N, C-alpha and C. Protein backbone atom coordinates (compact mmCIF):
# COMPACT_ATOMS: atom_id res chain seq x y z
N MET A 1 137.82 -69.50 23.53
CA MET A 1 137.74 -69.16 24.94
C MET A 1 136.38 -69.58 25.50
N THR A 2 136.39 -70.13 26.70
CA THR A 2 135.15 -70.57 27.30
C THR A 2 134.37 -69.39 27.77
N SER A 3 133.04 -69.34 27.48
CA SER A 3 132.21 -68.24 27.90
C SER A 3 131.94 -68.32 29.38
N PRO A 4 131.88 -67.13 30.08
CA PRO A 4 131.58 -67.15 31.51
C PRO A 4 130.19 -67.72 31.77
N LEU A 5 130.05 -68.40 32.85
CA LEU A 5 128.77 -68.99 33.23
C LEU A 5 127.84 -67.89 33.71
N PRO A 6 126.50 -68.10 33.59
CA PRO A 6 125.55 -67.11 34.12
C PRO A 6 125.72 -66.88 35.59
N ALA A 7 125.32 -65.66 36.03
CA ALA A 7 125.32 -65.39 37.46
C ALA A 7 124.30 -66.21 38.22
N ALA A 8 123.26 -66.65 37.52
CA ALA A 8 122.25 -67.53 38.06
C ALA A 8 121.41 -68.08 36.90
N VAL A 9 120.80 -69.22 37.12
CA VAL A 9 119.83 -69.75 36.17
C VAL A 9 118.48 -69.87 36.87
N LEU A 10 117.48 -69.28 36.26
CA LEU A 10 116.13 -69.17 36.82
C LEU A 10 115.20 -70.07 36.09
N TRP A 11 114.56 -70.96 36.81
CA TRP A 11 113.73 -72.03 36.22
C TRP A 11 112.25 -71.79 36.48
N ASP A 12 111.43 -71.86 35.47
CA ASP A 12 110.00 -72.08 35.66
C ASP A 12 109.78 -73.53 36.07
N MET A 13 108.63 -73.83 36.68
CA MET A 13 108.39 -75.20 37.13
C MET A 13 107.44 -75.95 36.18
N ASP A 14 106.15 -75.60 36.22
CA ASP A 14 105.16 -76.36 35.45
C ASP A 14 105.39 -76.20 33.95
N GLY A 15 105.68 -77.32 33.30
CA GLY A 15 105.93 -77.30 31.87
C GLY A 15 107.37 -77.16 31.49
N THR A 16 108.22 -76.68 32.40
CA THR A 16 109.64 -76.48 32.10
C THR A 16 110.47 -77.51 32.86
N LEU A 17 110.41 -77.48 34.18
CA LEU A 17 111.09 -78.47 35.00
C LEU A 17 110.33 -79.77 35.01
N VAL A 18 109.00 -79.65 35.20
CA VAL A 18 108.13 -80.83 35.25
C VAL A 18 106.95 -80.65 34.31
N ASP A 19 106.55 -81.72 33.67
CA ASP A 19 105.45 -81.64 32.70
C ASP A 19 104.13 -81.91 33.43
N THR A 20 103.73 -80.98 34.30
CA THR A 20 102.54 -81.12 35.09
C THR A 20 101.31 -80.46 34.49
N GLU A 21 101.42 -79.83 33.34
CA GLU A 21 100.29 -79.16 32.77
C GLU A 21 99.08 -80.10 32.56
N PRO A 22 99.28 -81.37 32.14
CA PRO A 22 98.14 -82.26 32.07
C PRO A 22 97.46 -82.47 33.41
N TYR A 23 98.19 -82.45 34.52
CA TYR A 23 97.59 -82.59 35.81
C TYR A 23 96.69 -81.41 36.12
N TRP A 24 97.17 -80.18 35.79
CA TRP A 24 96.35 -79.00 36.02
C TRP A 24 95.08 -79.05 35.13
N MET A 25 95.22 -79.45 33.90
CA MET A 25 94.07 -79.53 33.02
C MET A 25 93.03 -80.53 33.48
N THR A 26 93.49 -81.65 34.02
CA THR A 26 92.56 -82.65 34.55
C THR A 26 91.79 -82.05 35.74
N ALA A 27 92.51 -81.38 36.62
CA ALA A 27 91.87 -80.78 37.80
C ALA A 27 90.89 -79.68 37.39
N GLU A 28 91.25 -78.86 36.42
CA GLU A 28 90.37 -77.78 35.95
C GLU A 28 89.10 -78.36 35.34
N THR A 29 89.26 -79.36 34.47
CA THR A 29 88.12 -79.95 33.78
C THR A 29 87.12 -80.51 34.79
N ALA A 30 87.63 -81.26 35.75
CA ALA A 30 86.72 -81.88 36.75
C ALA A 30 86.02 -80.81 37.57
N LEU A 31 86.67 -79.72 37.89
CA LEU A 31 86.06 -78.68 38.69
C LEU A 31 84.96 -77.97 37.89
N VAL A 32 85.24 -77.61 36.67
CA VAL A 32 84.22 -76.94 35.85
C VAL A 32 83.02 -77.84 35.64
N GLU A 33 83.26 -79.11 35.35
CA GLU A 33 82.15 -80.04 35.12
C GLU A 33 81.34 -80.27 36.36
N ARG A 34 81.96 -80.14 37.52
CA ARG A 34 81.23 -80.27 38.79
C ARG A 34 80.14 -79.22 38.94
N PHE A 35 80.35 -78.07 38.29
CA PHE A 35 79.37 -77.00 38.33
C PHE A 35 78.54 -76.91 37.05
N GLY A 36 78.56 -78.01 36.26
CA GLY A 36 77.69 -78.09 35.10
C GLY A 36 78.23 -77.44 33.85
N GLY A 37 79.48 -77.03 33.86
CA GLY A 37 80.07 -76.38 32.69
C GLY A 37 80.92 -77.29 31.86
N THR A 38 81.53 -76.74 30.81
CA THR A 38 82.48 -77.49 29.99
C THR A 38 83.79 -76.71 29.94
N TRP A 39 84.88 -77.45 29.78
CA TRP A 39 86.21 -76.87 29.80
C TRP A 39 86.97 -77.48 28.63
N SER A 40 87.16 -76.68 27.58
CA SER A 40 87.81 -77.18 26.35
C SER A 40 89.32 -77.17 26.52
N HIS A 41 89.97 -77.88 25.61
CA HIS A 41 91.44 -77.89 25.59
C HIS A 41 91.96 -76.47 25.33
N GLU A 42 91.26 -75.74 24.45
CA GLU A 42 91.66 -74.37 24.13
C GLU A 42 91.56 -73.46 25.35
N GLN A 43 90.50 -73.63 26.15
CA GLN A 43 90.38 -72.85 27.38
C GLN A 43 91.51 -73.19 28.35
N ALA A 44 91.81 -74.47 28.45
CA ALA A 44 92.89 -74.88 29.34
C ALA A 44 94.23 -74.28 28.90
N LEU A 45 94.49 -74.27 27.61
CA LEU A 45 95.73 -73.67 27.12
C LEU A 45 95.78 -72.17 27.44
N GLY A 46 94.62 -71.55 27.49
CA GLY A 46 94.57 -70.11 27.73
C GLY A 46 95.05 -69.69 29.09
N VAL A 47 95.07 -70.61 30.05
CA VAL A 47 95.52 -70.26 31.39
C VAL A 47 96.91 -70.81 31.70
N VAL A 48 97.55 -71.45 30.75
CA VAL A 48 98.92 -71.97 30.96
C VAL A 48 99.85 -70.81 31.21
N GLY A 49 100.55 -70.86 32.31
CA GLY A 49 101.52 -69.82 32.65
C GLY A 49 100.94 -68.61 33.35
N LEU A 50 99.63 -68.58 33.55
CA LEU A 50 99.02 -67.47 34.30
C LEU A 50 99.19 -67.68 35.79
N GLY A 51 99.10 -66.59 36.54
CA GLY A 51 99.00 -66.71 37.98
C GLY A 51 97.72 -67.42 38.36
N LEU A 52 97.73 -68.11 39.50
CA LEU A 52 96.56 -68.90 39.86
C LEU A 52 95.34 -68.03 40.13
N GLU A 53 95.51 -66.84 40.68
CA GLU A 53 94.37 -65.95 40.91
C GLU A 53 93.74 -65.57 39.56
N ASP A 54 94.55 -65.29 38.55
CA ASP A 54 94.01 -64.96 37.24
C ASP A 54 93.31 -66.17 36.63
N SER A 55 93.92 -67.33 36.80
CA SER A 55 93.28 -68.56 36.29
C SER A 55 91.95 -68.82 36.98
N ALA A 56 91.89 -68.52 38.26
CA ALA A 56 90.64 -68.70 39.02
C ALA A 56 89.51 -67.83 38.46
N GLN A 57 89.85 -66.61 38.05
CA GLN A 57 88.84 -65.73 37.46
C GLN A 57 88.30 -66.29 36.15
N VAL A 58 89.19 -66.92 35.37
CA VAL A 58 88.74 -67.54 34.12
C VAL A 58 87.81 -68.71 34.42
N LEU A 59 88.12 -69.50 35.44
CA LEU A 59 87.28 -70.63 35.83
C LEU A 59 85.93 -70.15 36.38
N GLN A 60 85.96 -69.02 37.09
CA GLN A 60 84.68 -68.48 37.56
C GLN A 60 83.81 -68.08 36.38
N ALA A 61 84.40 -67.51 35.35
CA ALA A 61 83.67 -67.12 34.15
C ALA A 61 83.11 -68.35 33.43
N ALA A 62 83.77 -69.51 33.64
CA ALA A 62 83.32 -70.77 33.03
C ALA A 62 82.24 -71.44 33.88
N GLY A 63 81.89 -70.81 35.01
CA GLY A 63 80.76 -71.34 35.80
C GLY A 63 81.09 -71.89 37.17
N VAL A 64 82.35 -71.85 37.57
CA VAL A 64 82.75 -72.39 38.89
C VAL A 64 82.30 -71.39 39.96
N GLN A 65 81.40 -71.83 40.81
CA GLN A 65 80.84 -70.95 41.82
C GLN A 65 81.58 -71.09 43.15
N LEU A 66 82.83 -70.73 43.13
CA LEU A 66 83.69 -70.71 44.31
C LEU A 66 84.47 -69.42 44.30
N SER A 67 84.99 -69.01 45.46
CA SER A 67 85.84 -67.84 45.49
C SER A 67 87.17 -68.19 44.82
N ALA A 68 87.90 -67.14 44.46
CA ALA A 68 89.21 -67.36 43.83
C ALA A 68 90.12 -68.14 44.73
N SER A 69 90.16 -67.82 46.00
CA SER A 69 91.03 -68.57 46.93
C SER A 69 90.62 -70.02 47.06
N GLU A 70 89.32 -70.28 47.03
CA GLU A 70 88.84 -71.67 47.12
C GLU A 70 89.25 -72.44 45.86
N ILE A 71 89.17 -71.79 44.72
CA ILE A 71 89.58 -72.44 43.47
C ILE A 71 91.07 -72.75 43.49
N VAL A 72 91.87 -71.80 43.92
CA VAL A 72 93.31 -71.97 43.96
C VAL A 72 93.66 -73.13 44.89
N ASP A 73 93.06 -73.17 46.06
CA ASP A 73 93.35 -74.22 47.02
C ASP A 73 92.93 -75.58 46.48
N HIS A 74 91.76 -75.64 45.87
CA HIS A 74 91.24 -76.90 45.32
C HIS A 74 92.16 -77.42 44.22
N LEU A 75 92.50 -76.57 43.25
CA LEU A 75 93.35 -77.03 42.16
C LEU A 75 94.72 -77.46 42.67
N THR A 76 95.27 -76.69 43.61
CA THR A 76 96.56 -77.04 44.16
C THR A 76 96.56 -78.40 44.80
N GLU A 77 95.54 -78.67 45.60
CA GLU A 77 95.48 -79.96 46.29
C GLU A 77 95.24 -81.11 45.31
N GLU A 78 94.46 -80.86 44.25
CA GLU A 78 94.22 -81.90 43.25
C GLU A 78 95.50 -82.23 42.49
N VAL A 79 96.27 -81.21 42.14
CA VAL A 79 97.53 -81.46 41.45
C VAL A 79 98.52 -82.17 42.38
N ARG A 80 98.57 -81.75 43.63
CA ARG A 80 99.44 -82.43 44.58
C ARG A 80 99.05 -83.92 44.75
N ARG A 81 97.77 -84.20 44.75
CA ARG A 81 97.29 -85.58 44.85
C ARG A 81 97.76 -86.37 43.65
N GLN A 82 97.67 -85.81 42.45
CA GLN A 82 98.11 -86.51 41.24
C GLN A 82 99.63 -86.74 41.28
N LEU A 83 100.37 -85.75 41.80
CA LEU A 83 101.81 -85.93 41.92
C LEU A 83 102.14 -87.09 42.82
N ARG A 84 101.42 -87.22 43.92
CA ARG A 84 101.65 -88.32 44.85
C ARG A 84 101.27 -89.66 44.23
N GLU A 85 100.17 -89.70 43.51
CA GLU A 85 99.64 -90.94 42.99
C GLU A 85 100.28 -91.37 41.67
N LEU A 86 100.60 -90.39 40.82
CA LEU A 86 101.08 -90.69 39.48
C LEU A 86 102.57 -90.43 39.31
N GLY A 87 103.14 -89.68 40.27
CA GLY A 87 104.58 -89.38 40.16
C GLY A 87 104.86 -88.03 39.57
N VAL A 88 106.09 -87.61 39.65
CA VAL A 88 106.52 -86.31 39.16
C VAL A 88 107.15 -86.49 37.78
N PRO A 89 106.51 -85.95 36.73
CA PRO A 89 107.01 -86.16 35.34
C PRO A 89 108.06 -85.11 34.98
N PHE A 90 109.28 -85.30 35.39
CA PHE A 90 110.32 -84.34 35.03
C PHE A 90 110.53 -84.31 33.52
N ARG A 91 110.73 -83.14 32.98
CA ARG A 91 111.01 -83.03 31.54
C ARG A 91 112.40 -83.55 31.23
N ALA A 92 112.56 -84.06 30.04
CA ALA A 92 113.81 -84.68 29.61
C ALA A 92 114.97 -83.72 29.77
N GLY A 93 116.01 -84.19 30.46
CA GLY A 93 117.23 -83.41 30.60
C GLY A 93 117.25 -82.40 31.70
N ALA A 94 116.07 -82.14 32.31
CA ALA A 94 116.00 -81.07 33.32
C ALA A 94 116.84 -81.38 34.55
N GLN A 95 116.69 -82.59 35.10
CA GLN A 95 117.40 -82.89 36.32
C GLN A 95 118.92 -82.93 36.10
N GLN A 96 119.33 -83.44 34.95
CA GLN A 96 120.76 -83.52 34.66
C GLN A 96 121.37 -82.14 34.54
N LEU A 97 120.65 -81.23 33.83
CA LEU A 97 121.16 -79.88 33.71
C LEU A 97 121.22 -79.20 35.06
N LEU A 98 120.21 -79.39 35.88
CA LEU A 98 120.24 -78.85 37.25
C LEU A 98 121.45 -79.36 38.02
N ARG A 99 121.69 -80.66 37.95
CA ARG A 99 122.82 -81.24 38.65
C ARG A 99 124.15 -80.66 38.15
N ASP A 100 124.25 -80.51 36.83
CA ASP A 100 125.50 -79.94 36.26
C ASP A 100 125.70 -78.50 36.70
N LEU A 101 124.62 -77.72 36.77
CA LEU A 101 124.73 -76.37 37.25
C LEU A 101 125.20 -76.30 38.69
N ARG A 102 124.67 -77.18 39.51
CA ARG A 102 125.06 -77.22 40.91
C ARG A 102 126.54 -77.60 41.03
N ASP A 103 126.95 -78.59 40.22
CA ASP A 103 128.35 -79.01 40.26
C ASP A 103 129.27 -77.87 39.81
N ALA A 104 128.77 -77.00 38.92
CA ALA A 104 129.55 -75.89 38.41
C ALA A 104 129.50 -74.69 39.35
N GLY A 105 128.68 -74.75 40.37
CA GLY A 105 128.59 -73.67 41.35
C GLY A 105 127.73 -72.49 40.90
N VAL A 106 126.82 -72.74 39.93
CA VAL A 106 125.92 -71.69 39.44
C VAL A 106 124.67 -71.65 40.32
N PRO A 107 124.33 -70.50 40.92
CA PRO A 107 123.10 -70.40 41.70
C PRO A 107 121.85 -70.67 40.84
N THR A 108 120.85 -71.26 41.45
CA THR A 108 119.61 -71.59 40.73
C THR A 108 118.43 -71.15 41.57
N ALA A 109 117.36 -70.75 40.87
CA ALA A 109 116.10 -70.41 41.54
C ALA A 109 114.96 -71.02 40.77
N LEU A 110 113.96 -71.49 41.48
CA LEU A 110 112.72 -71.95 40.90
C LEU A 110 111.71 -70.81 41.00
N VAL A 111 111.16 -70.36 39.89
CA VAL A 111 110.26 -69.21 39.84
C VAL A 111 108.98 -69.67 39.24
N THR A 112 107.97 -69.96 40.07
CA THR A 112 106.75 -70.60 39.62
C THR A 112 105.54 -69.84 40.06
N MET A 113 104.44 -70.01 39.33
CA MET A 113 103.16 -69.46 39.75
C MET A 113 102.36 -70.45 40.56
N SER A 114 102.85 -71.66 40.73
CA SER A 114 102.21 -72.62 41.64
C SER A 114 102.45 -72.15 43.07
N MET A 115 101.58 -72.60 43.97
CA MET A 115 101.75 -72.28 45.37
C MET A 115 103.06 -72.80 45.90
N ARG A 116 103.63 -72.06 46.85
CA ARG A 116 104.93 -72.42 47.41
C ARG A 116 104.93 -73.86 47.94
N ARG A 117 103.85 -74.26 48.58
CA ARG A 117 103.83 -75.60 49.20
C ARG A 117 103.92 -76.70 48.16
N MET A 118 103.33 -76.46 46.98
CA MET A 118 103.39 -77.48 45.94
C MET A 118 104.78 -77.47 45.31
N ALA A 119 105.32 -76.27 45.08
CA ALA A 119 106.68 -76.21 44.53
C ALA A 119 107.69 -76.92 45.43
N GLN A 120 107.52 -76.73 46.72
CA GLN A 120 108.45 -77.35 47.65
C GLN A 120 108.35 -78.86 47.62
N GLU A 121 107.13 -79.40 47.40
CA GLU A 121 106.97 -80.86 47.27
C GLU A 121 107.77 -81.36 46.08
N VAL A 122 107.69 -80.67 44.98
CA VAL A 122 108.43 -81.09 43.78
C VAL A 122 109.92 -81.03 44.07
N VAL A 123 110.39 -79.92 44.63
CA VAL A 123 111.80 -79.76 44.93
C VAL A 123 112.29 -80.84 45.86
N ASP A 124 111.48 -81.20 46.83
CA ASP A 124 111.89 -82.21 47.83
C ASP A 124 112.04 -83.60 47.19
N LEU A 125 111.45 -83.81 46.02
CA LEU A 125 111.54 -85.10 45.36
C LEU A 125 112.78 -85.20 44.48
N ILE A 126 113.55 -84.13 44.35
CA ILE A 126 114.82 -84.20 43.62
C ILE A 126 115.88 -84.69 44.58
N ASP A 127 116.67 -85.64 44.18
CA ASP A 127 117.59 -86.34 45.13
C ASP A 127 118.89 -85.61 45.35
N PHE A 128 118.93 -84.29 45.12
CA PHE A 128 120.07 -83.49 45.49
C PHE A 128 119.57 -82.09 45.76
N ASP A 129 120.42 -81.25 46.33
CA ASP A 129 120.04 -79.86 46.68
C ASP A 129 120.02 -79.04 45.42
N ALA A 130 118.87 -78.96 44.76
CA ALA A 130 118.81 -78.43 43.39
C ALA A 130 118.67 -76.90 43.31
N PHE A 131 118.09 -76.27 44.30
CA PHE A 131 117.80 -74.82 44.18
C PHE A 131 118.24 -74.05 45.40
N ASP A 132 118.84 -72.90 45.14
CA ASP A 132 119.16 -71.96 46.21
C ASP A 132 117.93 -71.22 46.71
N LEU A 133 116.93 -71.11 45.86
CA LEU A 133 115.77 -70.28 46.18
C LEU A 133 114.55 -70.81 45.46
N VAL A 134 113.40 -70.75 46.14
CA VAL A 134 112.13 -71.09 45.53
C VAL A 134 111.19 -69.89 45.71
N ILE A 135 110.63 -69.38 44.59
CA ILE A 135 109.65 -68.32 44.63
C ILE A 135 108.32 -68.87 44.15
N GLY A 136 107.32 -68.90 45.02
CA GLY A 136 106.00 -69.39 44.68
C GLY A 136 105.06 -68.30 44.25
N GLY A 137 103.99 -68.68 43.58
CA GLY A 137 103.02 -67.68 43.11
C GLY A 137 102.34 -66.91 44.23
N ASP A 138 102.28 -67.51 45.42
CA ASP A 138 101.68 -66.85 46.56
C ASP A 138 102.67 -65.96 47.30
N GLU A 139 103.86 -65.77 46.74
CA GLU A 139 104.89 -64.96 47.37
C GLU A 139 105.26 -63.70 46.59
N VAL A 140 104.50 -63.39 45.53
CA VAL A 140 104.81 -62.24 44.70
C VAL A 140 103.64 -61.29 44.66
N GLU A 141 103.95 -59.99 44.48
CA GLU A 141 102.90 -58.96 44.41
C GLU A 141 102.08 -59.12 43.15
N ARG A 142 102.77 -59.25 42.00
CA ARG A 142 102.07 -59.43 40.71
C ARG A 142 102.59 -60.67 40.04
N PRO A 143 101.71 -61.47 39.45
CA PRO A 143 102.14 -62.73 38.86
C PRO A 143 102.70 -62.54 37.45
N LYS A 144 103.27 -63.62 36.90
CA LYS A 144 103.60 -63.65 35.49
C LYS A 144 102.31 -63.33 34.73
N PRO A 145 102.34 -62.54 33.65
CA PRO A 145 103.48 -62.11 32.84
C PRO A 145 104.16 -60.83 33.34
N PHE A 146 103.80 -60.31 34.51
CA PHE A 146 104.55 -59.18 35.06
C PHE A 146 105.97 -59.63 35.41
N PRO A 147 106.92 -58.73 35.45
CA PRO A 147 108.32 -59.13 35.72
C PRO A 147 108.60 -59.44 37.18
N ASP A 148 107.67 -59.12 38.07
CA ASP A 148 107.92 -59.21 39.50
C ASP A 148 108.55 -60.51 40.00
N PRO A 149 108.03 -61.68 39.56
CA PRO A 149 108.62 -62.94 40.10
C PRO A 149 110.12 -63.06 39.82
N TYR A 150 110.49 -62.74 38.58
CA TYR A 150 111.92 -62.86 38.24
C TYR A 150 112.77 -61.75 38.86
N LEU A 151 112.23 -60.58 38.96
CA LEU A 151 112.97 -59.49 39.62
C LEU A 151 113.17 -59.83 41.10
N GLN A 152 112.14 -60.42 41.73
CA GLN A 152 112.25 -60.80 43.13
C GLN A 152 113.33 -61.88 43.31
N ALA A 153 113.37 -62.83 42.40
CA ALA A 153 114.39 -63.91 42.48
C ALA A 153 115.78 -63.33 42.35
N CYS A 154 115.95 -62.42 41.38
CA CYS A 154 117.30 -61.81 41.17
C CYS A 154 117.71 -60.98 42.37
N GLU A 155 116.78 -60.23 42.91
CA GLU A 155 117.08 -59.42 44.12
C GLU A 155 117.53 -60.27 45.25
N ARG A 156 116.80 -61.38 45.50
CA ARG A 156 117.13 -62.23 46.63
C ARG A 156 118.43 -62.99 46.43
N LEU A 157 118.77 -63.26 45.16
CA LEU A 157 120.03 -63.94 44.87
C LEU A 157 121.19 -62.93 44.77
N GLY A 158 120.85 -61.66 44.70
CA GLY A 158 121.90 -60.63 44.60
C GLY A 158 122.59 -60.62 43.26
N VAL A 159 121.82 -60.82 42.17
CA VAL A 159 122.40 -60.83 40.81
C VAL A 159 121.68 -59.86 39.93
N ASP A 160 122.36 -59.40 38.89
CA ASP A 160 121.82 -58.53 37.87
C ASP A 160 121.00 -59.40 36.90
N PRO A 161 119.71 -59.10 36.65
CA PRO A 161 118.93 -59.92 35.72
C PRO A 161 119.58 -60.14 34.38
N GLY A 162 120.30 -59.11 33.90
CA GLY A 162 120.97 -59.23 32.60
C GLY A 162 122.12 -60.21 32.56
N GLU A 163 122.55 -60.65 33.73
CA GLU A 163 123.62 -61.66 33.84
C GLU A 163 123.07 -63.05 34.08
N THR A 164 121.73 -63.20 34.03
CA THR A 164 121.12 -64.48 34.32
C THR A 164 120.47 -65.05 33.06
N VAL A 165 120.20 -66.34 33.08
CA VAL A 165 119.42 -67.02 32.04
C VAL A 165 118.17 -67.58 32.67
N ALA A 166 117.04 -67.35 32.04
CA ALA A 166 115.75 -67.91 32.51
C ALA A 166 115.28 -68.97 31.50
N LEU A 167 114.70 -70.02 32.03
CA LEU A 167 114.16 -71.13 31.23
C LEU A 167 112.66 -71.14 31.40
N GLU A 168 111.92 -71.05 30.30
CA GLU A 168 110.48 -70.94 30.34
C GLU A 168 109.83 -71.71 29.20
N ASP A 169 108.62 -72.24 29.47
CA ASP A 169 107.92 -73.01 28.43
C ASP A 169 106.65 -72.31 27.91
N SER A 170 106.14 -71.27 28.60
CA SER A 170 104.88 -70.68 28.23
C SER A 170 105.06 -69.23 27.81
N PRO A 171 104.16 -68.68 26.97
CA PRO A 171 104.25 -67.27 26.58
C PRO A 171 104.20 -66.32 27.78
N ASN A 172 103.29 -66.55 28.72
CA ASN A 172 103.20 -65.66 29.86
C ASN A 172 104.49 -65.70 30.71
N GLY A 173 105.02 -66.87 30.91
CA GLY A 173 106.23 -66.99 31.68
C GLY A 173 107.42 -66.35 30.96
N ALA A 174 107.51 -66.57 29.66
CA ALA A 174 108.60 -65.96 28.88
C ALA A 174 108.51 -64.44 28.92
N ARG A 175 107.29 -63.92 28.80
CA ARG A 175 107.11 -62.46 28.86
C ARG A 175 107.57 -61.90 30.18
N SER A 176 107.29 -62.63 31.25
CA SER A 176 107.71 -62.22 32.60
C SER A 176 109.23 -62.14 32.69
N ALA A 177 109.88 -63.19 32.23
CA ALA A 177 111.34 -63.25 32.30
C ALA A 177 111.99 -62.19 31.42
N ILE A 178 111.43 -61.98 30.21
CA ILE A 178 111.98 -60.98 29.29
C ILE A 178 111.81 -59.59 29.90
N ALA A 179 110.62 -59.32 30.43
CA ALA A 179 110.36 -58.01 31.02
C ALA A 179 111.28 -57.73 32.20
N ALA A 180 111.71 -58.76 32.89
CA ALA A 180 112.63 -58.59 34.03
C ALA A 180 114.06 -58.32 33.57
N GLY A 181 114.33 -58.52 32.28
CA GLY A 181 115.66 -58.26 31.76
C GLY A 181 116.60 -59.46 31.70
N THR A 182 116.05 -60.68 31.93
CA THR A 182 116.88 -61.88 31.83
C THR A 182 117.11 -62.24 30.36
N VAL A 183 118.10 -63.04 30.11
CA VAL A 183 118.27 -63.68 28.80
C VAL A 183 117.43 -64.97 28.85
N THR A 184 116.36 -64.97 28.06
CA THR A 184 115.35 -65.98 28.17
C THR A 184 115.42 -67.01 27.09
N ILE A 185 115.46 -68.28 27.52
CA ILE A 185 115.43 -69.42 26.59
C ILE A 185 114.07 -70.05 26.69
N GLY A 186 113.39 -70.19 25.59
CA GLY A 186 112.11 -70.87 25.55
C GLY A 186 112.25 -72.34 25.24
N ILE A 187 111.58 -73.17 26.02
CA ILE A 187 111.54 -74.61 25.76
C ILE A 187 110.05 -74.97 25.58
N PRO A 188 109.50 -74.78 24.36
CA PRO A 188 108.07 -74.93 24.17
C PRO A 188 107.58 -76.32 24.60
N ASN A 189 106.39 -76.31 25.16
CA ASN A 189 105.80 -77.57 25.57
C ASN A 189 104.42 -77.68 24.96
N MET A 190 103.41 -77.01 25.55
CA MET A 190 102.07 -77.09 24.99
C MET A 190 101.73 -75.93 24.04
N LEU A 191 102.48 -74.84 24.19
CA LEU A 191 102.18 -73.65 23.41
C LEU A 191 103.42 -73.19 22.64
N PRO A 192 103.27 -72.67 21.43
CA PRO A 192 104.40 -72.17 20.67
C PRO A 192 104.93 -70.88 21.29
N LEU A 193 106.22 -70.63 21.12
CA LEU A 193 106.85 -69.44 21.66
C LEU A 193 107.51 -68.60 20.58
N ASP A 194 107.17 -68.84 19.33
CA ASP A 194 107.90 -68.23 18.21
C ASP A 194 107.84 -66.71 18.21
N ASP A 195 106.72 -66.13 18.62
CA ASP A 195 106.57 -64.66 18.53
C ASP A 195 106.57 -63.97 19.87
N VAL A 196 107.10 -64.62 20.89
CA VAL A 196 107.04 -64.06 22.26
C VAL A 196 108.22 -63.15 22.52
N GLY A 197 109.37 -63.43 21.91
CA GLY A 197 110.55 -62.61 22.10
C GLY A 197 111.67 -63.24 22.91
N ALA A 198 111.57 -64.52 23.20
CA ALA A 198 112.68 -65.21 23.87
C ALA A 198 113.93 -65.10 23.02
N TYR A 199 115.09 -65.07 23.67
CA TYR A 199 116.33 -64.89 22.91
C TYR A 199 116.54 -66.06 21.96
N THR A 200 116.27 -67.25 22.40
CA THR A 200 116.35 -68.43 21.52
C THR A 200 115.41 -69.48 22.04
N LEU A 201 115.13 -70.47 21.19
CA LEU A 201 114.24 -71.57 21.54
C LEU A 201 115.02 -72.90 21.45
N TRP A 202 114.83 -73.72 22.47
CA TRP A 202 115.36 -75.07 22.45
C TRP A 202 114.20 -76.04 22.47
N SER A 203 114.26 -77.07 21.68
CA SER A 203 113.17 -78.06 21.65
C SER A 203 113.16 -78.93 22.88
N THR A 204 114.31 -79.06 23.56
CA THR A 204 114.43 -79.91 24.74
C THR A 204 115.63 -79.46 25.56
N LEU A 205 115.66 -79.83 26.82
CA LEU A 205 116.82 -79.62 27.67
C LEU A 205 117.74 -80.83 27.63
N ASP A 206 117.31 -81.90 27.02
CA ASP A 206 118.10 -83.13 26.98
C ASP A 206 119.41 -82.88 26.27
N GLY A 207 120.51 -83.18 26.94
CA GLY A 207 121.82 -83.01 26.35
C GLY A 207 122.40 -81.62 26.51
N ARG A 208 121.64 -80.67 27.08
CA ARG A 208 122.13 -79.35 27.26
C ARG A 208 123.01 -79.24 28.48
N THR A 209 124.00 -78.33 28.43
CA THR A 209 124.97 -78.21 29.51
C THR A 209 125.08 -76.76 30.00
N PRO A 210 125.73 -76.53 31.14
CA PRO A 210 126.01 -75.17 31.55
C PRO A 210 126.75 -74.35 30.48
N ALA A 211 127.64 -75.03 29.75
CA ALA A 211 128.37 -74.31 28.68
C ALA A 211 127.43 -73.80 27.61
N ASP A 212 126.37 -74.56 27.30
CA ASP A 212 125.38 -74.09 26.33
C ASP A 212 124.71 -72.82 26.83
N LEU A 213 124.37 -72.79 28.13
CA LEU A 213 123.74 -71.60 28.72
C LEU A 213 124.71 -70.43 28.67
N ALA A 214 125.97 -70.69 28.99
CA ALA A 214 127.01 -69.65 28.93
C ALA A 214 127.13 -69.07 27.51
N ASP A 215 127.05 -69.92 26.51
CA ASP A 215 127.18 -69.46 25.13
C ASP A 215 125.99 -68.57 24.73
N VAL A 216 124.78 -68.93 25.19
CA VAL A 216 123.62 -68.11 24.88
C VAL A 216 123.76 -66.76 25.56
N LEU A 217 124.19 -66.74 26.82
CA LEU A 217 124.39 -65.47 27.52
C LEU A 217 125.43 -64.62 26.85
N ALA A 218 126.52 -65.23 26.43
CA ALA A 218 127.59 -64.48 25.74
C ALA A 218 127.11 -63.90 24.43
N ALA A 219 126.33 -64.67 23.68
CA ALA A 219 125.79 -64.15 22.41
C ALA A 219 124.85 -62.98 22.65
N ALA A 220 124.02 -63.08 23.67
CA ALA A 220 123.09 -61.97 23.99
C ALA A 220 123.85 -60.73 24.41
N ARG A 221 124.89 -60.88 25.21
CA ARG A 221 125.72 -59.74 25.60
C ARG A 221 126.37 -59.07 24.40
N ALA A 222 126.87 -59.91 23.50
CA ALA A 222 127.53 -59.38 22.28
C ALA A 222 126.59 -58.56 21.45
N GLU A 223 125.32 -59.02 21.36
CA GLU A 223 124.34 -58.24 20.59
C GLU A 223 124.06 -56.91 21.23
N VAL A 224 123.98 -56.88 22.57
CA VAL A 224 123.76 -55.63 23.29
C VAL A 224 124.92 -54.67 23.03
N ARG A 225 126.14 -55.18 23.09
CA ARG A 225 127.32 -54.33 22.88
C ARG A 225 127.35 -53.78 21.45
N ALA A 226 126.88 -54.61 20.51
CA ALA A 226 126.90 -54.22 19.10
C ALA A 226 125.85 -53.11 18.83
C-alpha cells in the first residue's frame, strides 16, 4: 500500500536547498579581517544554522566593531552580491524533489534564518512556483534552534507538525525542526548530524521522491503507535 504523503514539507534554505554556506563564510572572513581579526574555519562552522543576530554576537566577540543589525545587513548584502555574481548553487536533487512535491499537490514552506529579502531572491530564481510560504529569520520571535520558525510555518499552513517532514542540513536547524514536532530528515553538508536526533539521515536529495518522504513519515508514525 502506498504511504500517505506528508501534510507539508518544510525546507531549510542555506545548506539544504542551496549550498550557500561558503558564501557566508567568505563574507564573515572578510568582515572580521577588516577589523584586524582572524576567522577560522572552525569558527565559521560554529555559526552554521544559527540565527543571524546570534551569529552577529559571535562576530562581535571576534572583533567586529559594528552593531548586530549592521553586521546582519552587511553579511546579507555580501551574500546577495555573491549570488548575483556567482550564481545560486542548488544542492543536488533539491529542485527536482520540489517540483515533484508541487506536482503531487504537497504544500511546501521555506524556513530559513536568512533575511526574508534574500530568501525571496533565491525563491524567485526557481523557474516554477516552488513554495506556498517563505519564513525568514527576520520574521520569527526566536531563531533556530528554538522551534518557533517551524511552528510558525505549520500554523500558517494549517498543518499538524507531526504530519509534516522537515529537511535540514545543520545541527541547529535540525534541533529546531525536531523541537517543533516534525519528522526531521537530515541531509548533512558541512557538519555531521549523527547525534542530533533527526529521524533519519540522507546523504543527498538526488533521486529522492515524494514517496520516499511518505515512507519516512509512515515509519515515524508506526514507531509512535508502537
